[in-house]
């Protein structure tokens, strides 16, 4: 069984006529938004663990809202696409 050699993006474009940079689902902005939302979610879990009280203000109010914002922002980051300029 022979192993196929890897093809680069330019070789794929020459063979198929499709530019792979066009079909890339995420851009740099998407990744920045995703990472910032994941950091927000982790920070909310850390704040909840640091307070270590069940009835504390951070555990009941701040951390849950941070988690909802983080998960909502993560969904937005996945669905976000920059509008194309048309002339």
Foldseek 3Di string as FASTA:
>chain_A
DDDDDDDDQVRCCVVPVDRVVVVDQADPQLVVLLVVLVVLLVVLVVQLVVVVDPPDPSVPPVSVVSNVVSVVSNVCSNVDDDDDDDD
